[in-house]
Amino acid sequence: MYISHATREEIDEILPRVGDSLEEGSRGYYEVEQDKASRMMQEVLQKEDGQVLVVKEDSQVVGWILYGQQKDSFTGESIGFIYDLFVFENYREQGFAEALINKAMTDLKIQGMASVRLVVYAGNYAKNLYEKLGFTDNRTVMTKTL
């Protein structure tokens, strides 16, 4: 396992899969248009603090994490934020996601962040990993179809 900041070529390799990642992560709550997903990643990366780490196995990208900083809308505090985490299905349950999160959290701490947030949809199996790493619920967003 090797983790590094993504090169331009690796970002170009990832971009066509970001929509799949976001759709899977939302547990089918909404269908993600690939163009919008790619734009989201590019917008995060255009920010001064936007980062993508890739994890490789045998020189092949097997997963990534997209992270950066946001301002808390209530307190104005700068917080670390994980926008996307994805590991290809054949490489899951092998510690790649945990290693990516730990590296991103280390980077964010070095940048002066006191906390890290992410959004996880109900039913997303990754919630167990987040809880294992010390993430806790701090808000609940509820939906009702009209």
N, C-alpha and C. Protein backbone atom coordinates (compact mmCIF):
# COMPACT_ATOMS: atom_id res chain seq x y z
N MET A 1 0.85 -1.17 0.00
CA MET A 1 0.00 0.00 0.00
C MET A 1 0.89 1.24 0.00
N TYR A 2 0.58 2.15 -0.90
CA TYR A 2 1.32 3.40 -1.00
C TYR A 2 0.32 4.54 -1.14
N ILE A 3 0.43 5.56 -0.28
CA ILE A 3 -0.47 6.72 -0.31
C ILE A 3 0.33 7.94 -0.69
N SER A 4 -0.22 8.72 -1.64
CA SER A 4 0.44 9.96 -2.05
C SER A 4 -0.61 10.95 -2.54
N HIS A 5 -0.18 12.22 -2.65
CA HIS A 5 -1.05 13.21 -3.26
C HIS A 5 -1.19 12.87 -4.75
N ALA A 6 -2.40 12.98 -5.25
CA ALA A 6 -2.68 12.59 -6.63
C ALA A 6 -1.97 13.50 -7.62
N THR A 7 -1.43 12.89 -8.64
CA THR A 7 -0.87 13.64 -9.77
C THR A 7 -2.02 14.06 -10.68
N ARG A 8 -1.75 14.92 -11.63
CA ARG A 8 -2.76 15.33 -12.61
C ARG A 8 -3.30 14.12 -13.37
N GLU A 9 -2.41 13.20 -13.73
CA GLU A 9 -2.83 12.00 -14.45
C GLU A 9 -3.74 11.13 -13.59
N GLU A 10 -3.44 11.02 -12.31
CA GLU A 10 -4.27 10.22 -11.41
C GLU A 10 -5.63 10.88 -11.19
N ILE A 11 -5.65 12.20 -11.11
CA ILE A 11 -6.93 12.91 -10.99
C ILE A 11 -7.77 12.66 -12.25
N ASP A 12 -7.13 12.72 -13.42
CA ASP A 12 -7.85 12.44 -14.67
C ASP A 12 -8.39 11.01 -14.69
N GLU A 13 -7.68 10.09 -14.05
CA GLU A 13 -8.13 8.70 -13.96
C GLU A 13 -9.32 8.56 -13.00
N ILE A 14 -9.32 9.34 -11.95
CA ILE A 14 -10.37 9.28 -10.92
C ILE A 14 -11.65 9.96 -11.37
N LEU A 15 -11.54 11.11 -12.04
CA LEU A 15 -12.71 11.93 -12.38
C LEU A 15 -13.88 11.15 -12.99
N PRO A 16 -13.65 10.22 -13.92
CA PRO A 16 -14.78 9.48 -14.49
C PRO A 16 -15.50 8.57 -13.48
N ARG A 17 -14.92 8.34 -12.31
CA ARG A 17 -15.51 7.44 -11.31
C ARG A 17 -16.13 8.17 -10.13
N VAL A 18 -15.96 9.49 -10.05
CA VAL A 18 -16.45 10.24 -8.90
C VAL A 18 -17.97 10.14 -8.78
N GLY A 19 -18.67 10.19 -9.90
CA GLY A 19 -20.13 10.05 -9.86
C GLY A 19 -20.55 8.72 -9.26
N ASP A 20 -19.86 7.64 -9.65
CA ASP A 20 -20.17 6.32 -9.09
C ASP A 20 -19.94 6.31 -7.59
N SER A 21 -18.84 6.94 -7.17
CA SER A 21 -18.52 7.00 -5.75
C SER A 21 -19.60 7.74 -4.97
N LEU A 22 -20.00 8.91 -5.46
CA LEU A 22 -21.01 9.70 -4.75
C LEU A 22 -22.38 9.02 -4.76
N GLU A 23 -22.71 8.38 -5.86
CA GLU A 23 -24.00 7.68 -5.92
C GLU A 23 -24.01 6.50 -4.95
N GLU A 24 -22.93 5.74 -4.93
CA GLU A 24 -22.86 4.62 -3.99
C GLU A 24 -22.90 5.12 -2.55
N GLY A 25 -22.16 6.19 -2.28
CA GLY A 25 -22.11 6.74 -0.93
C GLY A 25 -23.45 7.26 -0.46
N SER A 26 -24.28 7.75 -1.39
CA SER A 26 -25.61 8.26 -1.01
C SER A 26 -26.63 7.13 -0.88
N ARG A 27 -26.17 5.90 -1.12
CA ARG A 27 -27.03 4.71 -1.00
C ARG A 27 -28.22 4.79 -1.94
N GLY A 28 -28.01 5.42 -3.11
CA GLY A 28 -29.07 5.51 -4.10
C GLY A 28 -30.11 6.56 -3.79
N TYR A 29 -29.85 7.38 -2.78
CA TYR A 29 -30.80 8.44 -2.42
C TYR A 29 -31.02 9.38 -3.59
N TYR A 30 -29.95 9.62 -4.33
CA TYR A 30 -30.09 10.41 -5.53
C TYR A 30 -29.14 9.89 -6.60
N GLU A 31 -29.51 10.14 -7.84
CA GLU A 31 -28.67 9.75 -8.96
C GLU A 31 -27.71 10.90 -9.26
N VAL A 32 -26.45 10.60 -9.34
CA VAL A 32 -25.44 11.63 -9.53
C VAL A 32 -25.03 11.70 -10.99
N GLU A 33 -25.11 12.88 -11.56
CA GLU A 33 -24.64 13.08 -12.93
C GLU A 33 -23.12 13.17 -12.90
N GLN A 34 -22.47 12.43 -13.75
CA GLN A 34 -21.02 12.37 -13.76
C GLN A 34 -20.39 13.76 -13.93
N ASP A 35 -20.95 14.58 -14.81
CA ASP A 35 -20.40 15.92 -15.03
C ASP A 35 -20.44 16.75 -13.75
N LYS A 36 -21.55 16.69 -13.03
CA LYS A 36 -21.67 17.45 -11.78
C LYS A 36 -20.69 16.93 -10.73
N ALA A 37 -20.54 15.63 -10.65
CA ALA A 37 -19.61 15.04 -9.69
C ALA A 37 -18.18 15.47 -10.01
N SER A 38 -17.81 15.43 -11.27
CA SER A 38 -16.46 15.84 -11.67
C SER A 38 -16.23 17.32 -11.35
N ARG A 39 -17.25 18.14 -11.62
CA ARG A 39 -17.13 19.58 -11.31
C ARG A 39 -16.95 19.80 -9.82
N MET A 40 -17.69 19.02 -9.00
CA MET A 40 -17.55 19.15 -7.55
C MET A 40 -16.12 18.89 -7.12
N MET A 41 -15.53 17.81 -7.63
CA MET A 41 -14.15 17.50 -7.27
C MET A 41 -13.22 18.61 -7.74
N GLN A 42 -13.40 19.07 -8.96
CA GLN A 42 -12.53 20.12 -9.49
C GLN A 42 -12.66 21.42 -8.70
N GLU A 43 -13.89 21.75 -8.26
CA GLU A 43 -14.10 22.95 -7.45
C GLU A 43 -13.38 22.85 -6.11
N VAL A 44 -13.43 21.68 -5.48
CA VAL A 44 -12.72 21.49 -4.22
C VAL A 44 -11.22 21.63 -4.46
N LEU A 45 -10.72 21.06 -5.54
CA LEU A 45 -9.29 21.11 -5.82
C LEU A 45 -8.82 22.51 -6.21
N GLN A 46 -9.71 23.36 -6.71
CA GLN A 46 -9.33 24.72 -7.06
C GLN A 46 -9.14 25.58 -5.82
N LYS A 47 -9.75 25.17 -4.72
CA LYS A 47 -9.54 25.89 -3.46
C LYS A 47 -8.10 25.67 -3.01
N GLU A 48 -7.55 26.63 -2.34
CA GLU A 48 -6.16 26.55 -1.90
C GLU A 48 -5.88 25.30 -1.08
N ASP A 49 -6.86 24.85 -0.30
CA ASP A 49 -6.63 23.73 0.61
C ASP A 49 -7.19 22.40 0.12
N GLY A 50 -7.80 22.35 -1.06
CA GLY A 50 -8.37 21.11 -1.58
C GLY A 50 -7.29 20.10 -1.94
N GLN A 51 -7.49 18.87 -1.54
CA GLN A 51 -6.48 17.82 -1.73
C GLN A 51 -7.15 16.51 -2.16
N VAL A 52 -6.43 15.73 -2.94
CA VAL A 52 -6.81 14.34 -3.22
C VAL A 52 -5.60 13.47 -2.91
N LEU A 53 -5.83 12.48 -2.09
CA LEU A 53 -4.83 11.45 -1.86
C LEU A 53 -5.29 10.21 -2.59
N VAL A 54 -4.35 9.47 -3.16
CA VAL A 54 -4.67 8.18 -3.76
C VAL A 54 -3.92 7.10 -2.99
N VAL A 55 -4.52 5.94 -2.97
CA VAL A 55 -3.84 4.77 -2.41
C VAL A 55 -3.62 3.81 -3.57
N LYS A 56 -2.40 3.27 -3.62
CA LYS A 56 -2.03 2.37 -4.72
C LYS A 56 -1.62 1.01 -4.16
N GLU A 57 -1.89 0.03 -4.97
CA GLU A 57 -1.43 -1.34 -4.73
C GLU A 57 -0.82 -1.79 -6.04
N ASP A 58 0.40 -2.23 -6.02
CA ASP A 58 1.10 -2.64 -7.24
C ASP A 58 1.03 -1.57 -8.33
N SER A 59 1.29 -0.33 -7.94
CA SER A 59 1.33 0.83 -8.84
C SER A 59 -0.02 1.18 -9.47
N GLN A 60 -1.11 0.59 -8.99
CA GLN A 60 -2.44 0.86 -9.52
C GLN A 60 -3.27 1.60 -8.47
N VAL A 61 -3.94 2.68 -8.88
CA VAL A 61 -4.82 3.41 -7.97
C VAL A 61 -6.00 2.51 -7.60
N VAL A 62 -6.19 2.31 -6.30
CA VAL A 62 -7.29 1.46 -5.84
C VAL A 62 -8.29 2.24 -4.98
N GLY A 63 -8.00 3.51 -4.72
CA GLY A 63 -8.92 4.33 -3.95
C GLY A 63 -8.42 5.75 -3.80
N TRP A 64 -9.29 6.62 -3.29
CA TRP A 64 -8.93 8.02 -3.08
C TRP A 64 -9.75 8.63 -1.96
N ILE A 65 -9.27 9.78 -1.51
CA ILE A 65 -10.01 10.61 -0.56
C ILE A 65 -9.85 12.05 -1.01
N LEU A 66 -10.96 12.78 -1.02
CA LEU A 66 -11.00 14.20 -1.38
C LEU A 66 -11.32 14.97 -0.10
N TYR A 67 -10.47 15.92 0.26
CA TYR A 67 -10.69 16.65 1.50
C TYR A 67 -10.18 18.08 1.39
N GLY A 68 -10.56 18.88 2.35
CA GLY A 68 -10.15 20.28 2.40
C GLY A 68 -10.68 20.93 3.65
N GLN A 69 -10.97 22.21 3.55
CA GLN A 69 -11.47 22.96 4.70
C GLN A 69 -12.78 23.65 4.35
N GLN A 70 -13.60 23.85 5.38
CA GLN A 70 -14.84 24.61 5.26
C GLN A 70 -14.97 25.50 6.48
N LYS A 71 -15.84 26.48 6.38
CA LYS A 71 -16.20 27.30 7.54
C LYS A 71 -17.51 26.76 8.10
N ASP A 72 -17.56 26.54 9.41
CA ASP A 72 -18.81 26.14 10.04
C ASP A 72 -19.80 27.29 9.88
N SER A 73 -20.99 27.01 9.38
CA SER A 73 -21.95 28.07 9.07
C SER A 73 -22.50 28.75 10.33
N PHE A 74 -22.39 28.11 11.49
CA PHE A 74 -22.88 28.72 12.72
C PHE A 74 -21.79 29.45 13.49
N THR A 75 -20.62 28.84 13.59
CA THR A 75 -19.56 29.40 14.43
C THR A 75 -18.50 30.17 13.63
N GLY A 76 -18.41 29.93 12.33
CA GLY A 76 -17.37 30.55 11.52
C GLY A 76 -16.02 29.87 11.66
N GLU A 77 -15.96 28.82 12.48
CA GLU A 77 -14.72 28.08 12.71
C GLU A 77 -14.30 27.34 11.44
N SER A 78 -13.00 27.33 11.15
CA SER A 78 -12.48 26.52 10.06
C SER A 78 -12.41 25.07 10.51
N ILE A 79 -12.95 24.19 9.69
CA ILE A 79 -12.96 22.76 10.02
C ILE A 79 -12.44 21.98 8.82
N GLY A 80 -11.85 20.83 9.10
CA GLY A 80 -11.50 19.92 8.03
C GLY A 80 -12.76 19.25 7.52
N PHE A 81 -12.78 18.93 6.24
CA PHE A 81 -13.97 18.30 5.69
C PHE A 81 -13.56 17.23 4.68
N ILE A 82 -14.13 16.05 4.83
CA ILE A 82 -13.92 14.96 3.87
C ILE A 82 -15.11 14.95 2.92
N TYR A 83 -14.85 15.21 1.66
CA TYR A 83 -15.89 15.30 0.64
C TYR A 83 -16.21 13.96 0.01
N ASP A 84 -15.19 13.13 -0.15
CA ASP A 84 -15.40 11.86 -0.84
C ASP A 84 -14.32 10.89 -0.43
N LEU A 85 -14.73 9.66 -0.23
CA LEU A 85 -13.82 8.55 0.07
C LEU A 85 -14.31 7.36 -0.74
N PHE A 86 -13.40 6.75 -1.48
CA PHE A 86 -13.81 5.62 -2.30
C PHE A 86 -12.66 4.64 -2.44
N VAL A 87 -12.99 3.37 -2.29
CA VAL A 87 -12.04 2.28 -2.55
C VAL A 87 -12.75 1.31 -3.49
N PHE A 88 -12.06 0.90 -4.55
CA PHE A 88 -12.67 -0.03 -5.49
C PHE A 88 -13.05 -1.31 -4.77
N GLU A 89 -14.16 -1.88 -5.20
CA GLU A 89 -14.79 -3.00 -4.51
C GLU A 89 -13.83 -4.16 -4.22
N ASN A 90 -12.99 -4.51 -5.17
CA ASN A 90 -12.06 -5.64 -4.99
C ASN A 90 -11.02 -5.39 -3.91
N TYR A 91 -10.88 -4.13 -3.46
CA TYR A 91 -9.83 -3.78 -2.50
C TYR A 91 -10.40 -3.37 -1.13
N ARG A 92 -11.68 -3.55 -0.94
CA ARG A 92 -12.30 -3.19 0.33
C ARG A 92 -11.97 -4.21 1.41
N GLU A 93 -12.15 -3.77 2.65
CA GLU A 93 -11.89 -4.62 3.82
C GLU A 93 -10.41 -4.99 3.95
N GLN A 94 -9.53 -4.16 3.41
CA GLN A 94 -8.09 -4.43 3.48
C GLN A 94 -7.32 -3.28 4.13
N GLY A 95 -8.04 -2.30 4.69
CA GLY A 95 -7.39 -1.21 5.40
C GLY A 95 -7.07 0.02 4.56
N PHE A 96 -7.42 0.01 3.28
CA PHE A 96 -7.10 1.14 2.42
C PHE A 96 -7.87 2.40 2.83
N ALA A 97 -9.17 2.27 3.08
CA ALA A 97 -9.99 3.43 3.46
C ALA A 97 -9.51 4.02 4.78
N GLU A 98 -9.24 3.17 5.74
CA GLU A 98 -8.76 3.65 7.04
C GLU A 98 -7.43 4.38 6.89
N ALA A 99 -6.54 3.86 6.08
CA ALA A 99 -5.24 4.51 5.87
C ALA A 99 -5.42 5.87 5.20
N LEU A 100 -6.32 5.96 4.23
CA LEU A 100 -6.58 7.24 3.57
C LEU A 100 -7.14 8.27 4.55
N ILE A 101 -8.11 7.86 5.36
CA ILE A 101 -8.70 8.79 6.33
C ILE A 101 -7.65 9.25 7.33
N ASN A 102 -6.86 8.33 7.84
CA ASN A 102 -5.83 8.70 8.82
C ASN A 102 -4.83 9.69 8.24
N LYS A 103 -4.42 9.48 6.99
CA LYS A 103 -3.47 10.40 6.35
C LYS A 103 -4.11 11.77 6.14
N ALA A 104 -5.36 11.80 5.69
CA ALA A 104 -6.05 13.07 5.49
C ALA A 104 -6.21 13.81 6.82
N MET A 105 -6.56 13.09 7.89
CA MET A 105 -6.72 13.74 9.19
C MET A 105 -5.39 14.28 9.70
N THR A 106 -4.32 13.57 9.46
CA THR A 106 -2.99 14.07 9.84
C THR A 106 -2.67 15.35 9.09
N ASP A 107 -2.92 15.37 7.78
CA ASP A 107 -2.68 16.57 6.98
C ASP A 107 -3.52 17.74 7.50
N LEU A 108 -4.80 17.50 7.79
CA LEU A 108 -5.67 18.56 8.27
C LEU A 108 -5.23 19.09 9.63
N LYS A 109 -4.76 18.21 10.49
CA LYS A 109 -4.26 18.63 11.80
C LYS A 109 -3.03 19.52 11.62
N ILE A 110 -2.13 19.14 10.73
CA ILE A 110 -0.94 19.96 10.45
C ILE A 110 -1.35 21.34 9.93
N GLN A 111 -2.46 21.39 9.19
CA GLN A 111 -2.96 22.67 8.67
C GLN A 111 -3.64 23.51 9.74
N GLY A 112 -3.77 22.96 10.96
CA GLY A 112 -4.35 23.72 12.07
C GLY A 112 -5.80 23.43 12.36
N MET A 113 -6.36 22.43 11.72
CA MET A 113 -7.76 22.10 11.96
C MET A 113 -7.89 21.37 13.30
N ALA A 114 -8.91 21.75 14.06
CA ALA A 114 -9.16 21.11 15.36
C ALA A 114 -10.17 19.98 15.24
N SER A 115 -10.90 19.95 14.12
CA SER A 115 -11.89 18.88 13.94
C SER A 115 -12.05 18.59 12.45
N VAL A 116 -12.62 17.42 12.17
CA VAL A 116 -12.88 16.97 10.81
C VAL A 116 -14.32 16.50 10.75
N ARG A 117 -15.01 16.86 9.68
CA ARG A 117 -16.40 16.44 9.49
C ARG A 117 -16.55 15.76 8.15
N LEU A 118 -17.63 15.02 8.03
CA LEU A 118 -18.01 14.38 6.78
C LEU A 118 -19.51 14.14 6.83
N VAL A 119 -20.08 13.83 5.70
CA VAL A 119 -21.50 13.48 5.61
C VAL A 119 -21.57 12.01 5.23
N VAL A 120 -22.36 11.26 5.98
CA VAL A 120 -22.56 9.84 5.66
C VAL A 120 -24.08 9.59 5.63
N TYR A 121 -24.51 8.94 4.59
CA TYR A 121 -25.94 8.65 4.43
C TYR A 121 -26.33 7.42 5.23
N ALA A 122 -27.58 7.43 5.69
CA ALA A 122 -28.12 6.29 6.43
C ALA A 122 -27.96 5.03 5.59
N GLY A 123 -27.48 3.98 6.21
CA GLY A 123 -27.32 2.71 5.52
C GLY A 123 -25.97 2.53 4.85
N ASN A 124 -25.14 3.57 4.83
CA ASN A 124 -23.81 3.45 4.22
C ASN A 124 -22.93 2.63 5.16
N TYR A 125 -22.43 1.51 4.65
CA TYR A 125 -21.62 0.62 5.49
C TYR A 125 -20.34 1.29 5.99
N ALA A 126 -19.92 2.38 5.35
CA ALA A 126 -18.70 3.08 5.78
C ALA A 126 -18.89 3.76 7.14
N LYS A 127 -20.14 3.94 7.56
CA LYS A 127 -20.38 4.58 8.86
C LYS A 127 -19.70 3.81 9.98
N ASN A 128 -19.67 2.49 9.89
CA ASN A 128 -18.98 1.69 10.91
C ASN A 128 -17.50 2.05 10.99
N LEU A 129 -16.86 2.25 9.84
CA LEU A 129 -15.45 2.63 9.82
C LEU A 129 -15.28 4.01 10.46
N TYR A 130 -16.14 4.95 10.10
CA TYR A 130 -16.03 6.30 10.65
C TYR A 130 -16.17 6.27 12.17
N GLU A 131 -17.12 5.49 12.67
CA GLU A 131 -17.31 5.39 14.12
C GLU A 131 -16.08 4.75 14.77
N LYS A 132 -15.52 3.73 14.14
CA LYS A 132 -14.31 3.08 14.65
C LYS A 132 -13.17 4.09 14.79
N LEU A 133 -13.11 5.06 13.87
CA LEU A 133 -12.05 6.05 13.87
C LEU A 133 -12.36 7.26 14.76
N GLY A 134 -13.49 7.20 15.47
CA GLY A 134 -13.81 8.25 16.44
C GLY A 134 -14.80 9.31 15.99
N PHE A 135 -15.34 9.19 14.79
CA PHE A 135 -16.36 10.13 14.35
C PHE A 135 -17.65 9.85 15.10
N THR A 136 -18.37 10.92 15.45
CA THR A 136 -19.65 10.78 16.13
C THR A 136 -20.70 11.63 15.41
N ASP A 137 -21.96 11.27 15.59
CA ASP A 137 -23.05 12.06 15.02
C ASP A 137 -23.09 13.42 15.70
N ASN A 138 -23.23 14.49 14.89
CA ASN A 138 -23.44 15.80 15.51
C ASN A 138 -24.66 16.51 14.93
N ARG A 139 -25.22 15.97 13.86
CA ARG A 139 -26.45 16.51 13.28
C ARG A 139 -27.19 15.36 12.60
N THR A 140 -28.48 15.51 12.52
CA THR A 140 -29.28 14.56 11.76
C THR A 140 -30.12 15.34 10.78
N VAL A 141 -30.04 14.98 9.53
CA VAL A 141 -30.87 15.58 8.49
C VAL A 141 -31.94 14.56 8.16
N MET A 142 -33.19 14.99 8.25
CA MET A 142 -34.31 14.09 8.01
C MET A 142 -35.04 14.52 6.74
N THR A 143 -35.65 13.56 6.07
CA THR A 143 -36.34 13.81 4.81
C THR A 143 -37.73 13.20 4.86
N LYS A 144 -38.69 13.88 4.25
CA LYS A 144 -40.04 13.35 4.08
C LYS A 144 -40.49 13.70 2.66
N THR A 145 -40.87 12.71 1.91
CA THR A 145 -41.37 12.93 0.56
C THR A 145 -42.78 13.49 0.65
N LEU A 146 -43.06 14.51 -0.14
CA LEU A 146 -44.40 15.13 -0.16
C LEU A 146 -45.17 14.69 -1.38
